[in-house]
Amino acid sequence: KSIPNFAIVGGNPAKFIKWRFEESV
């Protein structure tokens, strides 16, 4: 599936792990 800006994903199927930066950044 498509991945939003600055998202870190992984796995099979890939799942959201965390945001690369906080929202304001």
PDB file of all heavy atoms in Angstrom:
ATOM      1  N   LYS A   1       0.837  -1.197   0.000  1.00  0.00           N
ATOM      2  CA  LYS A   1       0.000   0.000   0.000  1.00  0.00           C
ATOM      3  C   LYS A   1       0.872   1.247   0.000  1.00  0.00           C
ATOM      4  O   LYS A   1       2.034   1.204   0.416  1.00  0.00           O
ATOM      5  CB  LYS A   1      -0.911   0.009   1.231  1.00  0.00           C
ATOM      6  CG  LYS A   1      -1.884  -1.171   1.297  1.00  0.00           C
ATOM      7  CD  LYS A   1      -2.736  -1.107   2.550  1.00  0.00           C
ATOM      8  CE  LYS A   1      -3.703  -2.290   2.616  1.00  0.00           C
ATOM      9  NZ  LYS A   1      -4.532  -2.235   3.856  1.00  0.00           N
ATOM     10  N   SER A   2       0.302   2.357  -0.433  1.00  0.00           N
ATOM     11  CA  SER A   2       1.045   3.618  -0.482  1.00  0.00           C
ATOM     12  C   SER A   2       1.434   4.073   0.921  1.00  0.00           C
ATOM     13  O   SER A   2       0.723   3.815   1.899  1.00  0.00           O
ATOM     14  CB  SER A   2       0.206   4.693  -1.178  1.00  0.00           C
ATOM     15  OG  SER A   2       0.006   4.355  -2.537  1.00  0.00           O
ATOM     16  N   ILE A   3       2.567   4.759   1.002  1.00  0.00           N
ATOM     17  CA  ILE A   3       3.152   5.166   2.279  1.00  0.00           C
ATOM     18  C   ILE A   3       3.183   6.696   2.343  1.00  0.00           C
ATOM     19  O   ILE A   3       3.649   7.346   1.413  1.00  0.00           O
ATOM     20  CB  ILE A   3       4.589   4.611   2.424  1.00  0.00           C
ATOM     21  CG1 ILE A   3       4.591   3.099   2.216  1.00  0.00           C
ATOM     22  CG2 ILE A   3       5.172   4.993   3.779  1.00  0.00           C
ATOM     23  CD1 ILE A   3       3.740   2.325   3.192  1.00  0.00           C
ATOM     24  N   PRO A   4       2.715   7.297   3.443  1.00  0.00           N
ATOM     25  CA  PRO A   4       2.700   8.762   3.544  1.00  0.00           C
ATOM     26  C   PRO A   4       4.094   9.345   3.751  1.00  0.00           C
ATOM     27  O   PRO A   4       5.043   8.624   4.069  1.00  0.00           O
ATOM     28  CB  PRO A   4       1.802   9.019   4.755  1.00  0.00           C
ATOM     29  CG  PRO A   4       1.924   7.777   5.593  1.00  0.00           C
ATOM     30  CD  PRO A   4       2.082   6.651   4.611  1.00  0.00           C
ATOM     31  N   ASN A   5       4.195  10.649   3.597  1.00  0.00           N
ATOM     32  CA  ASN A   5       5.471  11.345   3.776  1.00  0.00           C
ATOM     33  C   ASN A   5       6.072  11.064   5.153  1.00  0.00           C
ATOM     34  O   ASN A   5       5.362  11.081   6.167  1.00  0.00           O
ATOM     35  CB  ASN A   5       5.283  12.854   3.627  1.00  0.00           C
ATOM     36  CG  ASN A   5       4.915  13.264   2.221  1.00  0.00           C
ATOM     37  OD1 ASN A   5       4.762  12.424   1.343  1.00  0.00           O
ATOM     38  ND2 ASN A   5       4.779  14.563   2.001  1.00  0.00           N
ATOM     39  N   PHE A   6       7.356  10.793   5.188  1.00  0.00           N
ATOM     40  CA  PHE A   6       8.160  10.658   6.406  1.00  0.00           C
ATOM     41  C   PHE A   6       7.777   9.470   7.291  1.00  0.00           C
ATOM     42  O   PHE A   6       8.181   9.413   8.446  1.00  0.00           O
ATOM     43  CB  PHE A   6       8.109  11.950   7.239  1.00  0.00           C
ATOM     44  CG  PHE A   6       8.539  13.164   6.476  1.00  0.00           C
ATOM     45  CD1 PHE A   6       7.625  14.130   6.086  1.00  0.00           C
ATOM     46  CD2 PHE A   6       9.869  13.335   6.125  1.00  0.00           C
ATOM     47  CE1 PHE A   6       8.016  15.243   5.369  1.00  0.00           C
ATOM     48  CE2 PHE A   6      10.272  14.446   5.403  1.00  0.00           C
ATOM     49  CZ  PHE A   6       9.341  15.408   5.028  1.00  0.00           C
ATOM     50  N   ALA A   7       7.042   8.528   6.729  1.00  0.00           N
ATOM     51  CA  ALA A   7       6.716   7.323   7.499  1.00  0.00           C
ATOM     52  C   ALA A   7       7.834   6.305   7.358  1.00  0.00           C
ATOM     53  O   ALA A   7       8.429   6.152   6.292  1.00  0.00           O
ATOM     54  CB  ALA A   7       5.408   6.730   7.017  1.00  0.00           C
ATOM     55  N   ILE A   8       8.121   5.598   8.449  1.00  0.00           N
ATOM     56  CA  ILE A   8       9.059   4.480   8.440  1.00  0.00           C
ATOM     57  C   ILE A   8       8.250   3.203   8.559  1.00  0.00           C
ATOM     58  O   ILE A   8       7.469   3.038   9.503  1.00  0.00           O
ATOM     59  CB  ILE A   8      10.070   4.583   9.598  1.00  0.00           C
ATOM     60  CG1 ILE A   8      10.879   5.878   9.491  1.00  0.00           C
ATOM     61  CG2 ILE A   8      11.004   3.375   9.616  1.00  0.00           C
ATOM     62  CD1 ILE A   8      11.827   6.109  10.661  1.00  0.00           C
ATOM     63  N   VAL A   9       8.399   2.300   7.589  1.00  0.00           N
ATOM     64  CA  VAL A   9       7.605   1.077   7.568  1.00  0.00           C
ATOM     65  C   VAL A   9       8.514  -0.129   7.395  1.00  0.00           C
ATOM     66  O   VAL A   9       9.649  -0.019   6.935  1.00  0.00           O
ATOM     67  CB  VAL A   9       6.551   1.109   6.443  1.00  0.00           C
ATOM     68  CG1 VAL A   9       5.644   2.329   6.573  1.00  0.00           C
ATOM     69  CG2 VAL A   9       7.220   1.105   5.070  1.00  0.00           C
ATOM     70  N   GLY A  10       7.990  -1.302   7.748  1.00  0.00           N
ATOM     71  CA  GLY A  10       8.755  -2.526   7.580  1.00  0.00           C
ATOM     72  C   GLY A  10       7.888  -3.746   7.745  1.00  0.00           C
ATOM     73  O   GLY A  10       6.790  -3.682   8.317  1.00  0.00           O
ATOM     74  N   GLY A  11       8.367  -4.874   7.230  1.00  0.00           N
ATOM     75  CA  GLY A  11       7.663  -6.137   7.388  1.00  0.00           C
ATOM     76  C   GLY A  11       7.038  -6.641   6.110  1.00  0.00           C
ATOM     77  O   GLY A  11       7.132  -6.022   5.058  1.00  0.00           O
ATOM     78  N   ASN A  12       6.362  -7.787   6.207  1.00  0.00           N
ATOM     79  CA  ASN A  12       5.673  -8.406   5.082  1.00  0.00           C
ATOM     80  C   ASN A  12       4.281  -8.863   5.528  1.00  0.00           C
ATOM     81  O   ASN A  12       4.156  -9.852   6.243  1.00  0.00           O
ATOM     82  CB  ASN A  12       6.459  -9.602   4.568  1.00  0.00           C
ATOM     83  CG  ASN A  12       5.790 -10.276   3.386  1.00  0.00           C
ATOM     84  OD1 ASN A  12       4.819  -9.776   2.842  1.00  0.00           O
ATOM     85  ND2 ASN A  12       6.316 -11.434   2.990  1.00  0.00           N
ATOM     86  N   PRO A  13       3.249  -8.101   5.160  1.00  0.00           N
ATOM     87  CA  PRO A  13       3.296  -6.834   4.406  1.00  0.00           C
ATOM     88  C   PRO A  13       3.814  -5.700   5.293  1.00  0.00           C
ATOM     89  O   PRO A  13       3.732  -5.767   6.524  1.00  0.00           O
ATOM     90  CB  PRO A  13       1.837  -6.602   4.009  1.00  0.00           C
ATOM     91  CG  PRO A  13       1.061  -7.264   5.099  1.00  0.00           C
ATOM     92  CD  PRO A  13       1.862  -8.487   5.476  1.00  0.00           C
ATOM     93  N   ALA A  14       4.350  -4.665   4.659  1.00  0.00           N
ATOM     94  CA  ALA A  14       4.941  -3.555   5.408  1.00  0.00           C
ATOM     95  C   ALA A  14       3.881  -2.840   6.247  1.00  0.00           C
ATOM     96  O   ALA A  14       2.777  -2.558   5.770  1.00  0.00           O
ATOM     97  CB  ALA A  14       5.602  -2.574   4.454  1.00  0.00           C
ATOM     98  N   LYS A  15       4.252  -2.552   7.491  1.00  0.00           N
ATOM     99  CA  LYS A  15       3.359  -1.830   8.397  1.00  0.00           C
ATOM    100  C   LYS A  15       4.078  -0.612   8.982  1.00  0.00           C
ATOM    101  O   LYS A  15       5.309  -0.585   9.066  1.00  0.00           O
ATOM    102  CB  LYS A  15       2.892  -2.762   9.519  1.00  0.00           C
ATOM    103  CG  LYS A  15       2.044  -3.923   9.032  1.00  0.00           C
ATOM    104  CD  LYS A  15       1.569  -4.784  10.188  1.00  0.00           C
ATOM    105  CE  LYS A  15       0.694  -5.921   9.689  1.00  0.00           C
ATOM    106  NZ  LYS A  15       0.207  -6.785  10.813  1.00  0.00           N
ATOM    107  N   PHE A  16       3.286   0.351   9.415  1.00  0.00           N
ATOM    108  CA  PHE A  16       3.834   1.579   9.984  1.00  0.00           C
ATOM    109  C   PHE A  16       4.608   1.261  11.266  1.00  0.00           C
ATOM    110  O   PHE A  16       4.132   0.537  12.138  1.00  0.00           O
ATOM    111  CB  PHE A  16       2.697   2.559  10.284  1.00  0.00           C
ATOM    112  CG  PHE A  16       3.139   3.825  10.952  1.00  0.00           C
ATOM    113  CD1 PHE A  16       3.666   4.873  10.216  1.00  0.00           C
ATOM    114  CD2 PHE A  16       3.034   3.971  12.336  1.00  0.00           C
ATOM    115  CE1 PHE A  16       4.065   6.053  10.835  1.00  0.00           C
ATOM    116  CE2 PHE A  16       3.431   5.138  12.963  1.00  0.00           C
ATOM    117  CZ  PHE A  16       3.952   6.176  12.205  1.00  0.00           C
ATOM    118  N   ILE A  17       5.824   1.825  11.376  1.00  0.00           N
ATOM    119  CA  ILE A  17       6.644   1.661  12.584  1.00  0.00           C
ATOM    120  C   ILE A  17       6.640   2.949  13.400  1.00  0.00           C
ATOM    121  O   ILE A  17       6.303   2.951  14.574  1.00  0.00           O
ATOM    122  CB  ILE A  17       8.090   1.271  12.213  1.00  0.00           C
ATOM    123  CG1 ILE A  17       8.098  -0.093  11.493  1.00  0.00           C
ATOM    124  CG2 ILE A  17       8.968   1.228  13.456  1.00  0.00           C
ATOM    125  CD1 ILE A  17       9.465  -0.503  10.970  1.00  0.00           C
ATOM    126  N   LYS A  18       7.012   4.051  12.746  1.00  0.00           N
ATOM    127  CA  LYS A  18       7.002   5.349  13.418  1.00  0.00           C
ATOM    128  C   LYS A  18       7.210   6.445  12.383  1.00  0.00           C
ATOM    129  O   LYS A  18       7.531   6.181  11.229  1.00  0.00           O
ATOM    130  CB  LYS A  18       8.101   5.424  14.477  1.00  0.00           C
ATOM    131  CG  LYS A  18       9.520   5.363  13.924  1.00  0.00           C
ATOM    132  CD  LYS A  18      10.537   5.496  15.053  1.00  0.00           C
ATOM    133  CE  LYS A  18      11.970   5.491  14.511  1.00  0.00           C
ATOM    134  NZ  LYS A  18      12.965   5.652  15.602  1.00  0.00           N
ATOM    135  N   TRP A  19       7.006   7.689  12.835  1.00  0.00           N
ATOM    136  CA  TRP A  19       7.300   8.831  11.989  1.00  0.00           C
ATOM    137  C   TRP A  19       8.778   9.169  12.073  1.00  0.00           C
ATOM    138  O   TRP A  19       9.389   9.040  13.139  1.00  0.00           O
ATOM    139  CB  TRP A  19       6.483  10.053  12.397  1.00  0.00           C
ATOM    140  CG  TRP A  19       5.015   9.912  12.186  1.00  0.00           C
ATOM    141  CD1 TRP A  19       4.052   9.798  13.155  1.00  0.00           C
ATOM    142  CD2 TRP A  19       4.329   9.850  10.932  1.00  0.00           C
ATOM    143  NE1 TRP A  19       2.818   9.674  12.594  1.00  0.00           N
ATOM    144  CE2 TRP A  19       2.957   9.702  11.217  1.00  0.00           C
ATOM    145  CE3 TRP A  19       4.752   9.910   9.607  1.00  0.00           C
ATOM    146  CZ2 TRP A  19       1.996   9.605  10.220  1.00  0.00           C
ATOM    147  CZ3 TRP A  19       3.790   9.809   8.607  1.00  0.00           C
ATOM    148  CH2 TRP A  19       2.437   9.669   8.912  1.00  0.00           C
ATOM    149  N   ARG A  20       9.331   9.606  10.980  1.00  0.00           N
ATOM    150  CA  ARG A  20      10.746   9.974  10.949  1.00  0.00           C
ATOM    151  C   ARG A  20      11.004  11.225  11.786  1.00  0.00           C
ATOM    152  O   ARG A  20      12.059  11.334  12.427  1.00  0.00           O
ATOM    153  CB  ARG A  20      11.147  10.205   9.489  1.00  0.00           C
ATOM    154  CG  ARG A  20      12.618  10.376   9.246  1.00  0.00           C
ATOM    155  CD  ARG A  20      12.903  10.368   7.755  1.00  0.00           C
ATOM    156  NE  ARG A  20      14.191  10.942   7.435  1.00  0.00           N
ATOM    157  CZ  ARG A  20      14.611  11.209   6.209  1.00  0.00           C
ATOM    158  NH1 ARG A  20      13.810  10.939   5.178  1.00  0.00           N
ATOM    159  NH2 ARG A  20      15.793  11.726   5.997  1.00  0.00           N
ATOM    160  N   PHE A  21      10.061  12.169  11.772  1.00  0.00           N
ATOM    161  CA  PHE A  21      10.177  13.409  12.552  1.00  0.00           C
ATOM    162  C   PHE A  21       8.836  13.727  13.178  1.00  0.00           C
ATOM    163  O   PHE A  21       7.801  13.196  12.763  1.00  0.00           O
ATOM    164  CB  PHE A  21      10.602  14.590  11.653  1.00  0.00           C
ATOM    165  CG  PHE A  21      11.838  14.333  10.827  1.00  0.00           C
ATOM    166  CD1 PHE A  21      11.752  14.185   9.450  1.00  0.00           C
ATOM    167  CD2 PHE A  21      13.085  14.233  11.431  1.00  0.00           C
ATOM    168  CE1 PHE A  21      12.881  13.952   8.682  1.00  0.00           C
ATOM    169  CE2 PHE A  21      14.228  13.992  10.675  1.00  0.00           C
ATOM    170  CZ  PHE A  21      14.119  13.850   9.295  1.00  0.00           C
ATOM    171  N   GLU A  22       8.841  14.613  14.176  1.00  0.00           N
ATOM    172  CA  GLU A  22       7.581  15.041  14.784  1.00  0.00           C
ATOM    173  C   GLU A  22       6.790  15.880  13.787  1.00  0.00           C
ATOM    174  O   GLU A  22       7.318  16.384  12.791  1.00  0.00           O
ATOM    175  CB  GLU A  22       7.851  15.828  16.063  1.00  0.00           C
ATOM    176  CG  GLU A  22       8.646  17.095  15.859  1.00  0.00           C
ATOM    177  CD  GLU A  22       8.929  17.795  17.184  1.00  0.00           C
ATOM    178  OE1 GLU A  22       9.127  17.089  18.194  1.00  0.00           O
ATOM    179  OE2 GLU A  22       8.951  19.035  17.187  1.00  0.00           O
ATOM    180  N   GLU A  23       5.510  16.060  14.079  1.00  0.00           N
ATOM    181  CA  GLU A  23       4.596  16.656  13.109  1.00  0.00           C
ATOM    182  C   GLU A  23       5.002  18.051  12.662  1.00  0.00           C
ATOM    183  O   GLU A  23       4.949  18.373  11.465  1.00  0.00           O
ATOM    184  CB  GLU A  23       3.176  16.689  13.674  1.00  0.00           C
ATOM    185  CG  GLU A  23       2.148  17.202  12.668  1.00  0.00           C
ATOM    186  CD  GLU A  23       0.731  17.141  13.197  1.00  0.00           C
ATOM    187  OE1 GLU A  23       0.551  16.729  14.366  1.00  0.00           O
ATOM    188  OE2 GLU A  23      -0.199  17.497  12.447  1.00  0.00           O
ATOM    189  N   SER A  24       5.408  18.908  13.590  1.00  0.00           N
ATOM    190  CA  SER A  24       5.760  20.283  13.223  1.00  0.00           C
ATOM    191  C   SER A  24       6.957  20.308  12.264  1.00  0.00           C
ATOM    192  O   SER A  24       7.009  21.130  11.335  1.00  0.00           O
ATOM    193  CB  SER A  24       6.076  21.109  14.469  1.00  0.00           C
ATOM    194  OG  SER A  24       7.177  20.548  15.190  1.00  0.00           O
ATOM    195  N   VAL A  25       7.903  19.403  12.467  1.00  0.00           N
ATOM    196  CA  VAL A  25       9.071  19.316  11.588  1.00  0.00           C
ATOM    197  C   VAL A  25       8.653  18.798  10.221  1.00  0.00           C
ATOM    198  O   VAL A  25       9.100  19.311   9.182  1.00  0.00           O
ATOM    199  CB  VAL A  25      10.158  18.408  12.203  1.00  0.00           C
ATOM    200  CG1 VAL A  25      11.315  18.225  11.224  1.00  0.00           C
ATOM    201  CG2 VAL A  25      10.659  18.996  13.510  1.00  0.00           C
TER     202      VAL A  25
END
